[in-house]
């Protein structure tokens, strides 16, 4: 479980999720699970992909 907004240790996805959750009360976790991972943020209804670079 990594969905804590006040943790001193965060991974990159958790940092982005916590910033949105704490500042504008938007939960970027696309599936509502116990943790937040890059695909959760990508699949959130609050995010949009503008361009994919390969």
Protein backbone atom coordinates (compact mmCIF):
# COMPACT_ATOMS: atom_id res chain seq x y z
CA UNK A 1 0.00 0.00 0.00
CA UNK A 2 1.55 3.31 -1.05
CA UNK A 3 -1.33 5.79 -0.96
CA UNK A 4 -0.21 8.16 1.79
CA UNK A 5 0.02 11.92 1.23
CA UNK A 6 2.25 12.67 4.23
CA UNK A 7 4.97 10.06 3.78
CA UNK A 8 8.65 11.05 3.79
CA UNK A 9 9.46 8.28 1.28
CA UNK A 10 7.56 8.24 -2.02
CA UNK A 11 8.00 6.71 -5.44
CA UNK A 12 7.48 8.89 -8.54
CA UNK A 13 3.85 7.85 -9.07
CA UNK A 14 3.00 8.35 -5.42
CA UNK A 15 4.55 11.85 -5.48
CA UNK A 16 2.37 12.93 -8.43
CA UNK A 17 -0.74 11.29 -6.92
CA UNK A 18 -0.15 12.89 -3.49
CA UNK A 19 0.41 16.36 -4.99
CA UNK A 20 -2.95 16.28 -6.78
CA UNK A 21 -4.75 14.66 -3.84
CA UNK A 22 -3.44 17.20 -1.30
CA UNK A 23 -3.73 20.36 -3.42
CA UNK A 24 -6.89 20.01 -5.52
CA UNK A 25 -8.49 16.90 -3.95
CA UNK A 26 -8.31 14.90 -7.20
CA UNK A 27 -7.53 11.18 -6.89
CA UNK A 28 -5.50 10.21 -9.97
CA UNK A 29 -5.67 6.50 -9.11
CA UNK A 30 -7.55 5.11 -12.10
CA UNK A 31 -8.74 1.91 -10.40
CA UNK A 32 -9.04 2.87 -6.72
CA UNK A 33 -6.68 0.12 -5.53
CA UNK A 34 -4.43 0.13 -2.47
CA UNK A 35 -1.41 1.50 -4.34
CA UNK A 36 -0.82 3.96 -7.14
CA UNK A 37 1.37 3.10 -10.13
CA UNK A 38 2.16 4.80 -13.47
CA UNK A 39 -0.59 2.91 -15.32
CA UNK A 40 -3.13 4.05 -12.68
CA UNK A 41 -2.34 7.69 -13.39
CA UNK A 42 -2.37 7.07 -17.16
CA UNK A 43 -5.78 5.35 -16.93
CA UNK A 44 -7.36 7.99 -14.66
CA UNK A 45 -10.39 9.85 -16.00
CA UNK A 46 -8.61 13.05 -14.91
CA UNK A 47 -5.58 12.65 -17.19
CA UNK A 48 -5.13 12.97 -20.95
CA UNK A 49 -2.36 11.74 -23.24
CA UNK A 50 -1.35 14.47 -25.67
CA UNK A 51 1.48 12.66 -27.43
CA UNK A 52 3.27 9.33 -27.10
CA UNK A 53 6.97 9.35 -27.99
CA UNK A 54 8.58 6.04 -28.95
